[in-house]
Protein backbone atom coordinates (compact mmCIF):
# COMPACT_ATOMS: atom_id res chain seq x y z
CA MET A 1 -26.82 -6.05 11.24
CA THR A 2 -23.64 -5.97 9.04
CA ARG A 3 -21.42 -8.54 10.04
CA SER A 4 -17.61 -7.26 9.06
CA LEU A 5 -14.52 -9.03 9.18
CA VAL A 6 -11.25 -6.77 9.69
CA THR A 7 -8.07 -8.69 8.72
CA GLY A 8 -5.00 -7.07 10.50
CA GLY A 9 -7.32 -5.86 12.94
CA SER A 10 -4.99 -5.61 15.69
CA GLY A 11 -2.56 -3.39 13.81
CA TYR A 12 -2.70 0.44 13.75
CA PHE A 13 -5.03 1.07 11.20
CA GLY A 14 -7.00 -2.16 11.58
CA SER A 15 -7.84 -1.24 15.16
CA LEU A 16 -8.80 2.25 14.27
CA LEU A 17 -11.14 0.64 11.65
CA VAL A 18 -12.69 -1.81 13.99
CA GLN A 19 -13.84 1.18 16.13
CA ARG A 20 -15.31 3.05 13.37
CA LEU A 21 -17.15 -0.10 12.35
CA ARG A 22 -18.42 -0.50 15.87
CA THR A 23 -19.76 3.06 16.09
CA ALA A 24 -21.32 2.47 12.84
CA GLY A 25 -23.34 -0.61 14.16
CA HIS A 26 -21.33 -3.35 12.80
CA GLN A 27 -20.69 -6.54 14.33
CA VAL A 28 -16.87 -7.04 14.10
CA ARG A 29 -14.52 -9.90 14.13
CA ILE A 30 -10.86 -9.66 13.65
CA LEU A 31 -8.45 -11.95 11.93
CA ASP A 32 -4.92 -11.51 13.09
CA LEU A 33 -1.58 -13.51 14.30
CA ASN A 34 -1.77 -11.09 17.51
CA ASP A 35 -4.31 -9.91 19.93
CA ALA A 36 -4.31 -6.30 20.92
CA ASP A 37 -4.39 -5.07 24.49
CA ASP A 38 -7.35 -2.48 23.59
CA ARG A 39 -9.48 -5.04 21.56
CA PRO A 40 -13.16 -4.25 22.81
CA ALA A 41 -14.82 -7.28 24.64
CA ASP A 42 -17.60 -7.54 21.87
CA VAL A 43 -15.09 -8.01 19.08
CA GLU A 44 -14.38 -11.43 18.34
CA LEU A 45 -10.78 -12.72 17.31
CA VAL A 46 -9.91 -15.34 15.22
CA GLN A 47 -6.06 -15.63 15.98
CA GLY A 48 -4.24 -17.30 13.12
CA ASP A 49 -2.45 -16.83 9.75
CA ILE A 50 -3.98 -15.32 6.66
CA ARG A 51 -2.10 -17.87 4.81
CA ASP A 52 -3.93 -20.70 6.27
CA ALA A 53 -7.09 -21.74 4.45
CA THR A 54 -8.85 -23.36 7.44
CA THR A 55 -8.26 -20.36 9.53
CA VAL A 56 -9.51 -17.91 6.93
CA ALA A 57 -12.70 -20.00 6.18
CA SER A 58 -13.25 -19.82 9.98
CA ALA A 59 -12.70 -16.15 9.93
CA LEU A 60 -15.17 -15.63 7.07
CA GLU A 61 -18.11 -17.64 8.51
CA GLY A 62 -21.40 -15.60 8.38
CA VAL A 63 -19.46 -12.53 7.34
CA ASP A 64 -21.07 -9.80 4.90
CA VAL A 65 -18.02 -7.46 4.48
CA VAL A 66 -14.32 -7.84 4.73
CA PHE A 67 -11.77 -5.02 5.23
CA ASN A 68 -8.56 -6.55 4.12
CA ASN A 69 -5.66 -4.72 6.08
CA VAL A 70 -3.06 -7.59 6.91
CA ALA A 71 0.39 -6.51 5.47
CA GLN A 72 3.93 -7.26 6.15
CA VAL A 73 5.45 -3.91 6.17
CA PRO A 74 9.00 -2.85 4.73
CA LEU A 75 10.38 -2.63 8.25
CA ALA A 76 9.73 -6.02 8.80
CA LYS A 77 12.74 -6.60 6.18
CA ASP A 78 11.61 -10.27 5.30
CA HIS A 79 11.02 -10.60 1.71
CA HIS A 80 9.46 -13.99 1.97
CA LEU A 81 6.90 -12.75 4.18
CA LEU A 82 6.55 -9.58 2.13
CA ARG A 83 5.42 -11.85 -0.62
CA THR A 84 3.58 -14.85 1.14
CA VAL A 85 1.57 -12.35 3.31
CA ASN A 86 0.80 -9.53 1.10
CA VAL A 87 0.29 -11.52 -1.96
CA ASP A 88 -0.56 -15.43 -1.39
CA GLY A 89 -2.55 -14.16 1.65
CA THR A 90 -4.72 -11.99 -0.07
CA ARG A 91 -5.30 -14.35 -2.74
CA LEU A 92 -6.34 -16.83 -0.22
CA LEU A 93 -8.67 -14.69 1.45
CA LEU A 94 -10.34 -13.44 -2.08
CA ASP A 95 -10.80 -17.25 -2.83
CA GLN A 96 -12.35 -17.81 0.60
CA ALA A 97 -14.67 -14.89 0.51
CA ARG A 98 -16.12 -15.75 -2.98
CA ARG A 99 -16.67 -19.27 -1.57
CA ALA A 100 -18.23 -18.19 1.49
CA GLY A 101 -20.71 -15.81 -0.42
CA VAL A 102 -19.16 -12.43 0.98
CA SER A 103 -21.00 -9.41 -0.47
CA LYS A 104 -18.00 -6.92 -0.47
CA VAL A 105 -14.38 -6.67 0.00
CA VAL A 106 -12.31 -3.65 0.61
CA HIS A 107 -8.58 -4.21 -0.07
CA THR A 108 -6.22 -1.64 1.34
CA SER A 109 -3.40 -1.25 -0.93
CA SER A 110 -0.49 1.55 -1.06
CA SER A 111 0.70 4.26 -2.96
CA ALA A 112 3.98 2.38 -3.12
CA VAL A 113 2.40 0.90 -6.29
CA PHE A 114 3.34 3.85 -8.10
CA GLY A 115 6.94 4.14 -7.23
CA ILE A 116 8.26 7.68 -8.51
CA PRO A 117 5.48 8.61 -10.79
CA ALA A 118 6.33 10.19 -14.26
CA SER A 119 4.14 13.11 -13.55
CA ASN A 120 1.73 14.42 -10.60
CA PRO A 121 -1.04 14.28 -9.81
CA VAL A 122 -1.57 10.49 -9.76
CA LEU A 123 -4.87 9.41 -11.11
CA PRO A 124 -7.03 6.40 -10.92
CA THR A 125 -5.89 5.66 -14.38
CA THR A 126 -2.15 6.16 -13.84
CA VAL A 127 -0.25 2.94 -14.72
CA PRO A 128 1.51 1.60 -11.43
CA SER A 129 5.33 1.08 -11.71
CA PRO A 130 6.55 0.11 -8.19
CA VAL A 131 10.34 0.51 -7.60
CA GLU A 132 10.73 -1.70 -4.33
CA ALA A 133 9.81 -5.07 -3.01
CA TYR A 134 6.83 -3.80 -0.95
CA GLY A 135 5.42 -1.80 -3.76
CA HIS A 136 5.51 -4.80 -6.02
CA ALA A 137 3.98 -6.92 -3.51
CA LYS A 138 1.20 -4.75 -2.91
CA LEU A 139 0.70 -4.33 -6.87
CA ALA A 140 0.56 -8.04 -7.16
CA ALA A 141 -2.03 -8.24 -4.35
CA GLU A 142 -4.05 -5.74 -6.56
CA TRP A 143 -3.78 -7.84 -9.56
CA ALA A 144 -5.27 -10.66 -7.51
CA CYS A 145 -8.21 -8.34 -6.36
CA LEU A 146 -8.85 -7.37 -10.05
CA ASP A 147 -8.91 -11.25 -10.88
CA ALA A 148 -11.34 -11.79 -8.04
CA ALA A 149 -13.67 -8.93 -9.45
CA ALA A 150 -13.39 -10.34 -12.83
CA HIS A 151 -14.63 -13.74 -11.41
CA GLY A 152 -17.75 -12.12 -9.77
CA LEU A 153 -16.52 -11.07 -6.42
CA ASP A 154 -17.22 -7.40 -5.43
CA VAL A 155 -13.77 -6.14 -4.53
CA SER A 156 -12.81 -2.44 -4.12
CA ILE A 157 -9.06 -1.20 -3.96
CA VAL A 158 -8.26 1.80 -1.58
CA ARG A 159 -4.76 3.15 -1.89
CA PRO A 160 -3.76 5.42 0.73
CA ARG A 161 -0.89 7.99 1.01
CA THR A 162 1.48 7.97 3.72
CA ILE A 163 -0.73 7.34 6.88
CA LEU A 164 -0.67 9.68 9.89
CA GLY A 165 -2.95 10.13 12.96
CA HIS A 166 -2.84 9.79 16.65
CA GLY A 167 -1.05 6.71 17.69
CA ARG A 168 0.93 6.30 14.29
CA LEU A 169 4.30 5.68 15.08
CA GLY A 170 7.09 3.36 13.38
CA ILE A 171 9.54 5.56 11.40
CA PHE A 172 7.24 8.56 12.76
CA GLY A 173 8.02 7.77 16.24
CA ILE A 174 11.81 8.67 15.70
CA LEU A 175 10.79 12.20 13.98
CA PHE A 176 8.51 12.90 16.82
CA ASP A 177 11.37 11.89 19.62
CA TRP A 178 13.71 14.06 18.13
CA ILE A 179 11.48 17.05 17.65
CA ALA A 180 10.30 16.54 21.31
CA ASP A 181 13.80 16.74 22.47
CA GLY A 182 14.69 19.77 20.34
CA ALA A 183 16.98 17.91 18.02
CA ASP A 184 17.04 19.37 14.41
CA VAL A 185 15.36 17.13 11.73
CA VAL A 186 16.39 16.87 7.96
CA VAL A 187 15.04 16.90 4.61
CA LEU A 188 16.88 15.49 1.38
CA GLY A 189 17.97 18.25 -0.99
CA ASP A 190 16.02 21.67 -0.35
CA GLY A 191 12.75 19.63 0.74
CA SER A 192 10.83 21.32 -1.96
CA ASN A 193 9.25 18.03 -3.22
CA ARG A 194 5.32 18.06 -2.80
CA TYR A 195 4.53 15.16 -0.44
CA GLN A 196 0.82 14.34 0.54
CA PHE A 197 -0.42 12.38 3.66
CA VAL A 198 -3.69 11.00 4.66
CA HIS A 199 -4.96 10.78 8.29
CA ALA A 200 -6.03 7.40 9.34
CA ASP A 201 -9.65 8.92 10.30
CA ASP A 202 -10.20 10.16 6.85
CA LEU A 203 -9.15 6.74 5.53
CA ALA A 204 -11.16 4.85 7.41
CA GLU A 205 -14.19 7.01 6.16
CA VAL A 206 -13.03 6.34 2.64
CA CYS A 207 -13.09 2.33 3.38
CA LEU A 208 -16.53 2.53 5.06
CA LEU A 209 -17.85 4.50 2.07
CA ALA A 210 -16.35 2.12 -0.48
CA ALA A 211 -17.80 -0.85 1.55
CA GLY A 212 -21.25 0.85 1.04
CA LYS A 213 -20.83 1.38 -2.66
CA GLU A 214 -22.07 -1.59 -4.97
CA GLY A 215 -19.42 -2.56 -7.57
CA PRO A 216 -15.68 -2.86 -7.89
CA MET A 217 -13.66 0.41 -7.81
CA ILE A 218 -10.21 1.92 -7.17
CA VAL A 219 -9.90 4.99 -4.90
CA ASN A 220 -6.76 6.86 -4.23
CA ALA A 221 -7.05 8.50 -1.00
CA GLY A 222 -4.95 11.67 0.37
CA THR A 223 -5.57 15.05 1.67
CA ASP A 224 -6.44 17.93 -0.51
CA ARG A 225 -4.32 20.41 1.61
CA PHE A 226 -0.64 19.85 1.53
CA GLY A 227 2.69 21.44 0.55
CA THR A 228 6.35 20.55 0.14
CA MET A 229 8.17 18.10 2.80
CA ARG A 230 9.97 21.11 4.21
CA GLU A 231 6.72 22.92 4.91
CA SER A 232 5.11 20.13 6.63
CA LEU A 233 8.37 19.62 8.90
CA GLU A 234 8.81 23.46 9.67
CA SER A 235 5.11 23.71 10.14
CA LEU A 236 5.39 20.71 12.85
CA CYS A 237 8.60 22.26 14.31
CA GLY A 238 6.83 25.52 15.00
CA HIS A 239 3.90 23.59 16.62
CA ALA A 240 6.32 21.80 18.77
CA GLY A 241 7.92 25.07 20.04
CA THR A 242 10.99 22.83 21.08
CA GLY A 243 13.65 24.66 19.18
CA SER A 244 13.90 21.83 16.58
CA GLN A 245 14.66 23.31 13.03
CA VAL A 246 14.57 21.74 9.57
CA ARG A 247 18.06 21.20 7.82
CA SER A 248 19.03 20.07 4.31
CA LEU A 249 21.27 17.13 3.52
CA PRO A 250 22.38 16.33 0.06
CA ALA A 251 20.02 13.89 -1.36
CA LYS A 252 22.06 11.49 -3.02
CA ALA A 253 24.71 11.15 -0.48
CA THR A 254 22.35 10.54 2.25
CA SER A 255 20.38 8.21 0.40
CA LEU A 256 23.40 6.23 0.16
CA ALA A 257 24.34 6.43 3.78
CA MET A 258 20.65 5.29 4.59
CA GLN A 259 20.99 2.20 2.27
CA ALA A 260 24.33 1.46 4.16
CA ALA A 261 22.83 1.91 7.50
CA ALA A 262 19.91 -0.36 6.69
CA ARG A 263 22.22 -3.08 5.19
CA LEU A 264 24.36 -3.19 8.20
CA HIS A 265 21.08 -3.19 10.38
CA LEU A 266 22.45 0.27 12.19
CA ALA A 267 18.97 2.01 11.29
CA PRO A 268 15.40 1.17 10.84
CA PHE A 269 15.16 2.32 7.13
CA ALA A 270 13.50 0.57 4.35
CA PRO A 271 14.02 0.99 0.50
CA TYR A 272 10.86 3.32 0.15
CA HIS A 273 12.37 5.73 2.73
CA TRP A 274 15.48 6.49 0.86
CA ILE A 275 13.79 6.28 -2.48
CA MET A 276 10.77 8.43 -1.88
CA TYR A 277 11.62 11.07 0.95
CA SER A 278 12.98 13.65 -1.74
CA LYS A 279 10.46 12.87 -4.43
CA SER A 280 7.11 14.33 -5.17
CA LEU A 281 4.09 12.11 -4.98
CA TRP A 282 0.32 13.13 -4.43
CA PHE A 283 -3.06 11.95 -5.52
CA ASP A 284 -5.78 13.82 -7.24
CA ILE A 285 -8.99 12.71 -5.18
CA ASP A 286 -11.70 14.08 -7.27
CA HIS A 287 -12.83 10.67 -8.40
CA ALA A 288 -13.30 9.95 -4.56
CA ARG A 289 -15.24 12.96 -4.04
CA ASP A 290 -17.42 12.22 -7.09
CA ALA A 291 -18.15 8.64 -6.58
CA LEU A 292 -18.16 8.62 -2.67
CA GLY A 293 -19.11 11.91 -1.51
CA TRP A 294 -15.85 11.95 0.41
CA GLN A 295 -14.07 14.90 1.81
CA PRO A 296 -10.74 14.85 3.72
CA ARG A 297 -10.85 16.72 7.26
CA PHE A 298 -7.17 16.98 7.94
CA SER A 299 -4.56 18.97 6.12
CA ASN A 300 -0.76 17.62 6.27
CA GLU A 301 -0.24 20.31 9.04
CA GLU A 302 -3.25 19.41 11.15
CA MET A 303 -2.47 15.60 10.94
CA PHE A 304 1.21 16.14 11.75
CA ALA A 305 0.24 18.22 14.90
CA ALA A 306 -2.20 15.76 16.09
CA SER A 307 0.12 12.88 15.64
CA TYR A 308 2.80 14.71 17.52
CA ASP A 309 0.60 15.74 20.04
CA TRP A 310 -0.51 11.99 20.93
CA PHE A 311 3.09 11.06 20.90
CA VAL A 312 4.15 13.72 23.54
CA GLN A 313 1.03 12.74 25.59
CA ASN A 314 1.89 8.82 25.52
CA ARG A 315 5.55 9.17 25.18
CA ALA A 316 6.13 6.64 27.98
CA ILE A 317 4.66 3.76 26.12
CA THR A 318 5.62 4.32 22.59
CA GLU A 319 8.81 2.34 22.71
CA GLN A 320 7.05 -0.84 24.32
CA ALA A 321 6.76 -3.87 22.26
CA GLY A 322 3.77 -4.24 20.24
CA ALA A 323 1.90 -6.13 17.76
CA SER A 324 2.21 -3.80 14.92
CA HIS A 325 5.19 -1.93 13.52
CA HIS A 326 3.14 1.10 13.17
CA ARG A 327 1.96 1.21 16.64
CA THR A 328 5.35 1.15 18.40
CA THR A 329 8.41 3.64 17.71
CA ALA A 330 10.95 2.16 15.29
CA LYS A 331 14.16 1.37 17.23
CA GLN A 332 16.62 4.00 16.46
CA GLY A 333 19.87 2.30 16.60
CA ALA A 334 22.73 4.37 15.33
CA LEU A 335 20.15 7.17 14.89
CA ARG A 336 20.57 7.98 18.71
CA ALA A 337 24.12 9.20 17.91
CA VAL A 338 22.99 11.38 14.84
CA LYS A 339 20.26 12.71 17.23
CA TRP A 340 22.80 13.67 19.66
CA GLY A 341 24.70 15.62 16.80
CA MET A 342 21.60 17.29 15.81
CA GLN A 343 20.87 18.39 19.34
CA HIS A 344 24.20 20.02 19.63
CA LEU A 345 24.38 21.87 16.03
CA PRO A 346 25.15 25.49 16.16
CA GLY A 347 21.75 27.45 15.30
């Protein structure tokens, strides 16, 4: 039986990956600062910090495969944690994995390493060029992975586009809340920027396939059926049927307002939001098909609909305090007043 460690296994994607590994017959252990209410009884928890060598060594004992999903996300707004967890923690994990004789590490990175790409689609050979702190931290973690691979550890890097799926909340929880209550939602500019997402189930499949592939590799993961930001949101509004519509706001002025609101702690925006919301970014995934035999199941429209439906069915619990920023709805702050205004705009 394969023994797998999932770091960040109490978070949104980590917990889903734990479920997939159990279904595949793996013996699973989690390394996380927090425990999750839905952790299965047969899944062991090593509760501690990925930056602590003793804790990491204990978590790796007897492990065959590591899925590294620990990450401080931009919404945490703590640059020290962003660097020490995402970079130093990853480097420590890789060092300890090599000493423990781990056969494979699959590291979950981010499309934020590409910032605003000079051209699309982004290829595995596209040179990363992050534009904000989170992207820089994730790229530095990738460098640690490449260094570990150069020294004999089998490490593969998986870069997901923006993740959606049932239970995915965070900033999306606000979007779903507005639409459920019939408030109009916005795009920056005309919303014609092409924007690709990936369903969490599809991403989990990529990670499992990468774990079974011998030798280091880099995989960019996203759906192959997507359109513009406006098209995705209009499809969601139509699916919801609450009367919510998509409206355009000036891109530059709105981005500046988002920055000011974040700086004053009035709204839960992070730099990636105001930088990328009006920009195009999508991956070419032919390499993932060729190397792994992977085919995404969900389109942008399908994953938005599934994510929204889960939100509506579980709305009463979506604002409860949780262990992961992505498993609870972000606090709206001053956006509640904006929401009220969007509910009362003339059609």
